[in-house]
Amino acid sequence: MSRTIPLDEIGREVRGIIAGTLRRPVEQVPLTASLEGGLGIDSMAMIEINIGLEERFRFAMPEMASPAEANLKTVEDLARFVAAQLDRQTGRSA
């Protein structure tokens, strides 16, 4: 079974969640933006983003204090991570 949400849509959703958490327009959250260096996402913001992702995509995010802990550097990395979690949840390997 394949993921029901295309990667580009996951990217848009992830960008929207990040933008909402950081209280800035989604246009200021490109896929290429660095999570920590470019957007300044700290551990508290990461917790809020994780909660937003869990609520939107209905899966449990692994505990991580920072994006670097999960080897996530950019918004696109996070979108791909979410896609892999969704694939895993539906029984398909990422």
PDB file of N, CA and C in Angstrom:
ATOM      1  N   MET A   1       0.845  -1.171   0.000  1.00  0.00           N
ATOM      2  CA  MET A   1       0.000   0.000   0.000  1.00  0.00           C
ATOM      3  C   MET A   1       0.895   1.240   0.000  1.00  0.00           C
ATOM      4  N   SER A   2       0.582   2.223  -0.809  1.00  0.00           N
ATOM      5  CA  SER A   2       1.430   3.410  -0.890  1.00  0.00           C
ATOM      6  C   SER A   2       0.842   4.545  -0.063  1.00  0.00           C
ATOM      7  N   ARG A   3       1.678   5.488   0.186  1.00  0.00           N
ATOM      8  CA  ARG A   3       1.288   6.676   0.933  1.00  0.00           C
ATOM      9  C   ARG A   3       0.153   7.363   0.188  1.00  0.00           C
ATOM     10  N   THR A   4      -0.859   7.817   0.895  1.00  0.00           N
ATOM     11  CA  THR A   4      -1.998   8.438   0.238  1.00  0.00           C
ATOM     12  C   THR A   4      -1.799   9.936   0.025  1.00  0.00           C
ATOM     13  N   ILE A   5      -0.807  10.529   0.679  1.00  0.00           N
ATOM     14  CA  ILE A   5      -0.558  11.964   0.535  1.00  0.00           C
ATOM     15  C   ILE A   5       0.741  12.156  -0.247  1.00  0.00           C
ATOM     16  N   PRO A   6       0.692  12.857  -1.377  1.00  0.00           N
ATOM     17  CA  PRO A   6       1.913  13.079  -2.162  1.00  0.00           C
ATOM     18  C   PRO A   6       2.939  13.912  -1.383  1.00  0.00           C
ATOM     19  N   LEU A   7       4.218  13.714  -1.693  1.00  0.00           N
ATOM     20  CA  LEU A   7       5.288  14.407  -0.989  1.00  0.00           C
ATOM     21  C   LEU A   7       5.152  15.925  -1.074  1.00  0.00           C
ATOM     22  N   ASP A   8       4.735  16.455  -2.236  1.00  0.00           N
ATOM     23  CA  ASP A   8       4.616  17.916  -2.339  1.00  0.00           C
ATOM     24  C   ASP A   8       3.538  18.449  -1.408  1.00  0.00           C
ATOM     25  N   GLU A   9       2.462  17.684  -1.221  1.00  0.00           N
ATOM     26  CA  GLU A   9       1.416  18.103  -0.291  1.00  0.00           C
ATOM     27  C   GLU A   9       1.912  18.002   1.154  1.00  0.00           C
ATOM     28  N   ILE A  10       2.657  16.954   1.452  1.00  0.00           N
ATOM     29  CA  ILE A  10       3.246  16.823   2.792  1.00  0.00           C
ATOM     30  C   ILE A  10       4.154  18.026   3.048  1.00  0.00           C
ATOM     31  N   GLY A  11       4.945  18.400   2.045  1.00  0.00           N
ATOM     32  CA  GLY A  11       5.816  19.566   2.175  1.00  0.00           C
ATOM     33  C   GLY A  11       5.040  20.832   2.474  1.00  0.00           C
ATOM     34  N   ARG A  12       3.921  21.031   1.777  1.00  0.00           N
ATOM     35  CA  ARG A  12       3.086  22.219   2.027  1.00  0.00           C
ATOM     36  C   ARG A  12       2.538  22.196   3.448  1.00  0.00           C
ATOM     37  N   GLU A  13       2.077  21.027   3.890  1.00  0.00           N
ATOM     38  CA  GLU A  13       1.520  20.904   5.247  1.00  0.00           C
ATOM     39  C   GLU A  13       2.594  21.161   6.299  1.00  0.00           C
ATOM     40  N   VAL A  14       3.775  20.585   6.097  1.00  0.00           N
ATOM     41  CA  VAL A  14       4.886  20.766   7.045  1.00  0.00           C
ATOM     42  C   VAL A  14       5.267  22.244   7.099  1.00  0.00           C
ATOM     43  N   ARG A  15       5.369  22.884   5.944  1.00  0.00           N
ATOM     44  CA  ARG A  15       5.689  24.317   5.912  1.00  0.00           C
ATOM     45  C   ARG A  15       4.637  25.127   6.659  1.00  0.00           C
ATOM     46  N   GLY A  16       3.367  24.772   6.482  1.00  0.00           N
ATOM     47  CA  GLY A  16       2.287  25.482   7.170  1.00  0.00           C
ATOM     48  C   GLY A  16       2.361  25.319   8.679  1.00  0.00           C
ATOM     49  N   ILE A  17       2.667  24.119   9.128  1.00  0.00           N
ATOM     50  CA  ILE A  17       2.783  23.862  10.569  1.00  0.00           C
ATOM     51  C   ILE A  17       3.960  24.640  11.145  1.00  0.00           C
ATOM     52  N   ILE A  18       5.087  24.627  10.447  1.00  0.00           N
ATOM     53  CA  ILE A  18       6.262  25.375  10.914  1.00  0.00           C
ATOM     54  C   ILE A  18       5.951  26.871  10.940  1.00  0.00           C
ATOM     55  N   ALA A  19       5.343  27.385   9.867  1.00  0.00           N
ATOM     56  CA  ALA A  19       5.013  28.807   9.795  1.00  0.00           C
ATOM     57  C   ALA A  19       4.077  29.202  10.939  1.00  0.00           C
ATOM     58  N   GLY A  20       3.083  28.368  11.209  1.00  0.00           N
ATOM     59  CA  GLY A  20       2.161  28.659  12.309  1.00  0.00           C
ATOM     60  C   GLY A  20       2.857  28.667  13.654  1.00  0.00           C
ATOM     61  N   THR A  21       3.757  27.716  13.857  1.00  0.00           N
ATOM     62  CA  THR A  21       4.502  27.641  15.114  1.00  0.00           C
ATOM     63  C   THR A  21       5.382  28.871  15.300  1.00  0.00           C
ATOM     64  N   LEU A  22       6.033  29.286  14.211  1.00  0.00           N
ATOM     65  CA  LEU A  22       6.953  30.423  14.284  1.00  0.00           C
ATOM     66  C   LEU A  22       6.250  31.768  14.106  1.00  0.00           C
ATOM     67  N   ARG A  23       4.936  31.713  13.838  1.00  0.00           N
ATOM     68  CA  ARG A  23       4.128  32.911  13.628  1.00  0.00           C
ATOM     69  C   ARG A  23       4.709  33.805  12.527  1.00  0.00           C
ATOM     70  N   ARG A  24       4.928  33.175  11.390  1.00  0.00           N
ATOM     71  CA  ARG A  24       5.400  33.932  10.224  1.00  0.00           C
ATOM     72  C   ARG A  24       4.688  33.396   8.987  1.00  0.00           C
ATOM     73  N   PRO A  25       4.675  34.172   7.896  1.00  0.00           N
ATOM     74  CA  PRO A  25       4.009  33.708   6.675  1.00  0.00           C
ATOM     75  C   PRO A  25       4.686  32.458   6.124  1.00  0.00           C
ATOM     76  N   VAL A  26       3.887  31.590   5.540  1.00  0.00           N
ATOM     77  CA  VAL A  26       4.412  30.338   4.990  1.00  0.00           C
ATOM     78  C   VAL A  26       5.451  30.613   3.900  1.00  0.00           C
ATOM     79  N   GLU A  27       5.344  31.761   3.228  1.00  0.00           N
ATOM     80  CA  GLU A  27       6.319  32.110   2.194  1.00  0.00           C
ATOM     81  C   GLU A  27       7.729  32.252   2.777  1.00  0.00           C
ATOM     82  N   GLN A  28       7.819  32.500   4.081  1.00  0.00           N
ATOM     83  CA  GLN A  28       9.119  32.636   4.745  1.00  0.00           C
ATOM     84  C   GLN A  28       9.657  31.294   5.235  1.00  0.00           C
ATOM     85  N   VAL A  29       8.980  30.207   4.850  1.00  0.00           N
ATOM     86  CA  VAL A  29       9.410  28.867   5.255  1.00  0.00           C
ATOM     87  C   VAL A  29       9.571  27.992   4.009  1.00  0.00           C
ATOM     88  N   PRO A  30      10.618  28.270   3.202  1.00  0.00           N
ATOM     89  CA  PRO A  30      10.832  27.447   2.009  1.00  0.00           C
ATOM     90  C   PRO A  30      11.335  26.053   2.375  1.00  0.00           C
ATOM     91  N   LEU A  31      11.146  25.112   1.473  1.00  0.00           N
ATOM     92  CA  LEU A  31      11.614  23.741   1.712  1.00  0.00           C
ATOM     93  C   LEU A  31      13.117  23.686   1.946  1.00  0.00           C
ATOM     94  N   THR A  32      13.842  24.623   1.359  1.00  0.00           N
ATOM     95  CA  THR A  32      15.298  24.615   1.466  1.00  0.00           C
ATOM     96  C   THR A  32      15.818  25.256   2.753  1.00  0.00           C
ATOM     97  N   ALA A  33      14.936  25.839   3.557  1.00  0.00           N
ATOM     98  CA  ALA A  33      15.371  26.534   4.777  1.00  0.00           C
ATOM     99  C   ALA A  33      15.944  25.560   5.794  1.00  0.00           C
ATOM    100  N   SER A  34      17.020  25.992   6.424  1.00  0.00           N
ATOM    101  CA  SER A  34      17.618  25.231   7.518  1.00  0.00           C
ATOM    102  C   SER A  34      16.714  25.362   8.736  1.00  0.00           C
ATOM    103  N   LEU A  35      16.401  24.230   9.366  1.00  0.00           N
ATOM    104  CA  LEU A  35      15.493  24.250  10.512  1.00  0.00           C
ATOM    105  C   LEU A  35      16.056  25.059  11.675  1.00  0.00           C
ATOM    106  N   GLU A  36      17.284  24.765  12.063  1.00  0.00           N
ATOM    107  CA  GLU A  36      17.855  25.451  13.217  1.00  0.00           C
ATOM    108  C   GLU A  36      18.520  26.765  12.821  1.00  0.00           C
ATOM    109  N   GLY A  37      19.448  26.718  11.882  1.00  0.00           N
ATOM    110  CA  GLY A  37      20.194  27.910  11.507  1.00  0.00           C
ATOM    111  C   GLY A  37      19.358  28.948  10.783  1.00  0.00           C
ATOM    112  N   GLY A  38      18.577  28.522   9.808  1.00  0.00           N
ATOM    113  CA  GLY A  38      17.802  29.459   8.997  1.00  0.00           C
ATOM    114  C   GLY A  38      16.522  29.929   9.646  1.00  0.00           C
ATOM    115  N   LEU A  39      15.793  29.009  10.253  1.00  0.00           N
ATOM    116  CA  LEU A  39      14.500  29.347  10.842  1.00  0.00           C
ATOM    117  C   LEU A  39      14.585  29.563  12.355  1.00  0.00           C
ATOM    118  N   GLY A  40      15.682  29.143  12.965  1.00  0.00           N
ATOM    119  CA  GLY A  40      15.853  29.349  14.402  1.00  0.00           C
ATOM    120  C   GLY A  40      14.961  28.469  15.256  1.00  0.00           C
ATOM    121  N   ILE A  41      14.679  27.264  14.783  1.00  0.00           N
ATOM    122  CA  ILE A  41      13.815  26.354  15.540  1.00  0.00           C
ATOM    123  C   ILE A  41      14.601  25.782  16.717  1.00  0.00           C
ATOM    124  N   ASP A  42      14.106  26.069  17.913  1.00  0.00           N
ATOM    125  CA  ASP A  42      14.742  25.548  19.126  1.00  0.00           C
ATOM    126  C   ASP A  42      13.945  24.352  19.642  1.00  0.00           C
ATOM    127  N   SER A  43      14.333  23.827  20.795  1.00  0.00           N
ATOM    128  CA  SER A  43      13.686  22.614  21.300  1.00  0.00           C
ATOM    129  C   SER A  43      12.205  22.840  21.605  1.00  0.00           C
ATOM    130  N   MET A  44      11.835  24.003  22.106  1.00  0.00           N
ATOM    131  CA  MET A  44      10.416  24.265  22.394  1.00  0.00           C
ATOM    132  C   MET A  44       9.599  24.342  21.103  1.00  0.00           C
ATOM    133  N   ALA A  45      10.135  25.007  20.094  1.00  0.00           N
ATOM    134  CA  ALA A  45       9.440  25.091  18.809  1.00  0.00           C
ATOM    135  C   ALA A  45       9.329  23.703  18.180  1.00  0.00           C
ATOM    136  N   MET A  46      10.374  22.879  18.330  1.00  0.00           N
ATOM    137  CA  MET A  46      10.347  21.532  17.759  1.00  0.00           C
ATOM    138  C   MET A  46       9.240  20.705  18.403  1.00  0.00           C
ATOM    139  N   ILE A  47       9.036  20.871  19.695  1.00  0.00           N
ATOM    140  CA  ILE A  47       7.951  20.152  20.382  1.00  0.00           C
ATOM    141  C   ILE A  47       6.605  20.571  19.793  1.00  0.00           C
ATOM    142  N   GLU A  48       6.408  21.885  19.609  1.00  0.00           N
ATOM    143  CA  GLU A  48       5.152  22.371  19.034  1.00  0.00           C
ATOM    144  C   GLU A  48       4.961  21.847  17.607  1.00  0.00           C
ATOM    145  N   ILE A  49       6.032  21.847  16.835  1.00  0.00           N
ATOM    146  CA  ILE A  49       5.957  21.335  15.461  1.00  0.00           C
ATOM    147  C   ILE A  49       5.612  19.853  15.471  1.00  0.00           C
ATOM    148  N   ASN A  50       6.249  19.089  16.350  1.00  0.00           N
ATOM    149  CA  ASN A  50       5.953  17.654  16.450  1.00  0.00           C
ATOM    150  C   ASN A  50       4.485  17.422  16.773  1.00  0.00           C
ATOM    151  N   ILE A  51       3.946  18.188  17.716  1.00  0.00           N
ATOM    152  CA  ILE A  51       2.532  18.043  18.083  1.00  0.00           C
ATOM    153  C   ILE A  51       1.656  18.359  16.874  1.00  0.00           C
ATOM    154  N   GLY A  52       1.996  19.433  16.156  1.00  0.00           N
ATOM    155  CA  GLY A  52       1.231  19.796  14.963  1.00  0.00           C
ATOM    156  C   GLY A  52       1.274  18.707  13.904  1.00  0.00           C
ATOM    157  N   LEU A  53       2.454  18.113  13.701  1.00  0.00           N
ATOM    158  CA  LEU A  53       2.595  17.027  12.727  1.00  0.00           C
ATOM    159  C   LEU A  53       1.798  15.802  13.156  1.00  0.00           C
ATOM    160  N   GLU A  54       1.859  15.476  14.444  1.00  0.00           N
ATOM    161  CA  GLU A  54       1.110  14.319  14.951  1.00  0.00           C
ATOM    162  C   GLU A  54      -0.387  14.518  14.771  1.00  0.00           C
ATOM    163  N   GLU A  55      -0.874  15.721  15.060  1.00  0.00           N
ATOM    164  CA  GLU A  55      -2.310  15.988  14.922  1.00  0.00           C
ATOM    165  C   GLU A  55      -2.731  15.960  13.456  1.00  0.00           C
ATOM    166  N   ARG A  56      -1.916  16.540  12.580  1.00  0.00           N
ATOM    167  CA  ARG A  56      -2.285  16.607  11.167  1.00  0.00           C
ATOM    168  C   ARG A  56      -2.214  15.248  10.476  1.00  0.00           C
ATOM    169  N   PHE A  57      -1.134  14.505  10.744  1.00  0.00           N
ATOM    170  CA  PHE A  57      -0.907  13.260  10.007  1.00  0.00           C
ATOM    171  C   PHE A  57      -1.297  12.012  10.784  1.00  0.00           C
ATOM    172  N   ARG A  58      -1.712  12.174  12.027  1.00  0.00           N
ATOM    173  CA  ARG A  58      -2.219  11.058  12.840  1.00  0.00           C
ATOM    174  C   ARG A  58      -1.206   9.935  13.039  1.00  0.00           C
ATOM    175  N   PHE A  59       0.011  10.307  13.421  1.00  0.00           N
ATOM    176  CA  PHE A  59       1.003   9.303  13.807  1.00  0.00           C
ATOM    177  C   PHE A  59       1.874   9.900  14.892  1.00  0.00           C
ATOM    178  N   ALA A  60       2.567   9.052  15.620  1.00  0.00           N
ATOM    179  CA  ALA A  60       3.421   9.515  16.714  1.00  0.00           C
ATOM    180  C   ALA A  60       4.811   9.831  16.191  1.00  0.00           C
ATOM    181  N   MET A  61       5.229  11.057  16.407  1.00  0.00           N
ATOM    182  CA  MET A  61       6.591  11.454  16.056  1.00  0.00           C
ATOM    183  C   MET A  61       7.534  10.900  17.114  1.00  0.00           C
ATOM    184  N   PRO A  62       8.708  10.462  16.715  1.00  0.00           N
ATOM    185  CA  PRO A  62       9.681  10.031  17.714  1.00  0.00           C
ATOM    186  C   PRO A  62      10.100  11.219  18.576  1.00  0.00           C
ATOM    187  N   GLU A  63      10.450  10.938  19.807  1.00  0.00           N
ATOM    188  CA  GLU A  63      10.927  11.999  20.692  1.00  0.00           C
ATOM    189  C   GLU A  63      12.241  12.533  20.156  1.00  0.00           C
ATOM    190  N   MET A  64      12.317  13.826  19.975  1.00  0.00           N
ATOM    191  CA  MET A  64      13.586  14.438  19.582  1.00  0.00           C
ATOM    192  C   MET A  64      13.620  15.852  20.122  1.00  0.00           C
ATOM    193  N   ALA A  65      14.720  16.172  20.762  1.00  0.00           N
ATOM    194  CA  ALA A  65      14.862  17.493  21.368  1.00  0.00           C
ATOM    195  C   ALA A  65      15.230  18.550  20.339  1.00  0.00           C
ATOM    196  N   SER A  66      15.822  18.115  19.240  1.00  0.00           N
ATOM    197  CA  SER A  66      16.213  19.065  18.209  1.00  0.00           C
ATOM    198  C   SER A  66      16.169  18.376  16.854  1.00  0.00           C
ATOM    199  N   PRO A  67      16.029  19.162  15.781  1.00  0.00           N
ATOM    200  CA  PRO A  67      16.054  18.556  14.445  1.00  0.00           C
ATOM    201  C   PRO A  67      17.345  17.792  14.178  1.00  0.00           C
ATOM    202  N   ALA A  68      18.466  18.312  14.681  1.00  0.00           N
ATOM    203  CA  ALA A  68      19.760  17.668  14.436  1.00  0.00           C
ATOM    204  C   ALA A  68      19.806  16.266  15.026  1.00  0.00           C
ATOM    205  N   GLU A  69      19.090  16.068  16.131  1.00  0.00           N
ATOM    206  CA  GLU A  69      19.064  14.758  16.779  1.00  0.00           C
ATOM    207  C   GLU A  69      18.533  13.680  15.831  1.00  0.00           C
ATOM    208  N   ALA A  70      17.609  14.055  14.968  1.00  0.00           N
ATOM    209  CA  ALA A  70      17.046  13.112  13.992  1.00  0.00           C
ATOM    210  C   ALA A  70      17.708  13.260  12.632  1.00  0.00           C
ATOM    211  N   ASN A  71      18.822  13.999  12.590  1.00  0.00           N
ATOM    212  CA  ASN A  71      19.556  14.247  11.342  1.00  0.00           C
ATOM    213  C   ASN A  71      18.687  14.974  10.323  1.00  0.00           C
ATOM    214  N   LEU A  72      17.871  15.905  10.798  1.00  0.00           N
ATOM    215  CA  LEU A  72      17.023  16.709   9.932  1.00  0.00           C
ATOM    216  C   LEU A  72      17.607  18.110   9.866  1.00  0.00           C
ATOM    217  N   LYS A  73      17.988  18.517   8.654  1.00  0.00           N
ATOM    218  CA  LYS A  73      18.633  19.824   8.509  1.00  0.00           C
ATOM    219  C   LYS A  73      17.712  20.871   7.882  1.00  0.00           C
ATOM    220  N   THR A  74      16.869  20.453   6.944  1.00  0.00           N
ATOM    221  CA  THR A  74      16.017  21.412   6.231  1.00  0.00           C
ATOM    222  C   THR A  74      14.541  21.059   6.389  1.00  0.00           C
ATOM    223  N   VAL A  75      13.701  21.981   5.964  1.00  0.00           N
ATOM    224  CA  VAL A  75      12.253  21.738   5.970  1.00  0.00           C
ATOM    225  C   VAL A  75      11.948  20.525   5.088  1.00  0.00           C
ATOM    226  N   GLU A  76      12.639  20.412   3.961  1.00  0.00           N
ATOM    227  CA  GLU A  76      12.424  19.268   3.070  1.00  0.00           C
ATOM    228  C   GLU A  76      12.800  17.954   3.760  1.00  0.00           C
ATOM    229  N   ASP A  77      13.891  17.958   4.533  1.00  0.00           N
ATOM    230  CA  ASP A  77      14.266  16.753   5.294  1.00  0.00           C
ATOM    231  C   ASP A  77      13.124  16.335   6.219  1.00  0.00           C
ATOM    232  N   LEU A  78      12.514  17.320   6.876  1.00  0.00           N
ATOM    233  CA  LEU A  78      11.414  17.023   7.788  1.00  0.00           C
ATOM    234  C   LEU A  78      10.207  16.480   7.019  1.00  0.00           C
ATOM    235  N   ALA A  79       9.925  17.053   5.851  1.00  0.00           N
ATOM    236  CA  ALA A  79       8.814  16.566   5.021  1.00  0.00           C
ATOM    237  C   ALA A  79       9.065  15.125   4.584  1.00  0.00           C
ATOM    238  N   ARG A  80      10.293  14.824   4.176  1.00  0.00           N
ATOM    239  CA  ARG A  80      10.630  13.451   3.773  1.00  0.00           C
ATOM    240  C   ARG A  80      10.549  12.500   4.969  1.00  0.00           C
ATOM    241  N   PHE A  81      10.938  12.986   6.143  1.00  0.00           N
ATOM    242  CA  PHE A  81      10.845  12.191   7.370  1.00  0.00           C
ATOM    243  C   PHE A  81       9.381  11.841   7.654  1.00  0.00           C
ATOM    244  N   VAL A  82       8.502  12.836   7.523  1.00  0.00           N
ATOM    245  CA  VAL A  82       7.064  12.609   7.728  1.00  0.00           C
ATOM    246  C   VAL A  82       6.556  11.593   6.705  1.00  0.00           C
ATOM    247  N   ALA A  83       6.961  11.750   5.438  1.00  0.00           N
ATOM    248  CA  ALA A  83       6.539  10.809   4.393  1.00  0.00           C
ATOM    249  C   ALA A  83       6.988   9.392   4.726  1.00  0.00           C
ATOM    250  N   ALA A  84       8.209   9.251   5.228  1.00  0.00           N
ATOM    251  CA  ALA A  84       8.712   7.918   5.599  1.00  0.00           C
ATOM    252  C   ALA A  84       7.914   7.340   6.759  1.00  0.00           C
ATOM    253  N   GLN A  85       7.547   8.194   7.715  1.00  0.00           N
ATOM    254  CA  GLN A  85       6.735   7.716   8.845  1.00  0.00           C
ATOM    255  C   GLN A  85       5.363   7.252   8.346  1.00  0.00           C
ATOM    256  N   LEU A  86       4.784   8.010   7.417  1.00  0.00           N
ATOM    257  CA  LEU A  86       3.479   7.624   6.866  1.00  0.00           C
ATOM    258  C   LEU A  86       3.582   6.315   6.089  1.00  0.00           C
ATOM    259  N   ASP A  87       4.671   6.163   5.328  1.00  0.00           N
ATOM    260  CA  ASP A  87       4.879   4.905   4.589  1.00  0.00           C
ATOM    261  C   ASP A  87       4.998   3.738   5.573  1.00  0.00           C
ATOM    262  N   ARG A  88       5.744   3.940   6.632  1.00  0.00           N
ATOM    263  CA  ARG A  88       5.928   2.899   7.637  1.00  0.00           C
ATOM    264  C   ARG A  88       4.586   2.530   8.274  1.00  0.00           C
ATOM    265  N   GLN A  89       3.786   3.554   8.536  1.00  0.00           N
ATOM    266  CA  GLN A  89       2.481   3.345   9.164  1.00  0.00           C
ATOM    267  C   GLN A  89       1.541   2.542   8.266  1.00  0.00           C
ATOM    268  N   THR A  90       1.665   2.742   6.944  1.00  0.00           N
ATOM    269  CA  THR A  90       0.790   2.021   6.014  1.00  0.00           C
ATOM    270  C   THR A  90       1.397   0.689   5.576  1.00  0.00           C
ATOM    271  N   GLY A  91       2.551   0.348   6.141  1.00  0.00           N
ATOM    272  CA  GLY A  91       3.128  -0.955   5.869  1.00  0.00           C
ATOM    273  C   GLY A  91       4.064  -1.009   4.689  1.00  0.00           C
ATOM    274  N   ARG A  92       4.423   0.133   4.151  1.00  0.00           N
ATOM    275  CA  ARG A  92       5.318   0.168   2.999  1.00  0.00           C
ATOM    276  C   ARG A  92       6.663   0.694   3.468  1.00  0.00           C
ATOM    277  N   SER A  93       7.735   0.114   3.011  1.00  0.00           N
ATOM    278  CA  SER A  93       9.059   0.609   3.406  1.00  0.00           C
ATOM    279  C   SER A  93       9.358   1.900   2.674  1.00  0.00           C
ATOM    280  N   ALA A  94      10.068   2.790   3.361  1.00  0.00           N
ATOM    281  CA  ALA A  94      10.335   4.114   2.775  1.00  0.00           C
ATOM    282  C   ALA A  94      11.469   4.039   1.780  1.00  0.00           C
TER     283      ALA A  94
END
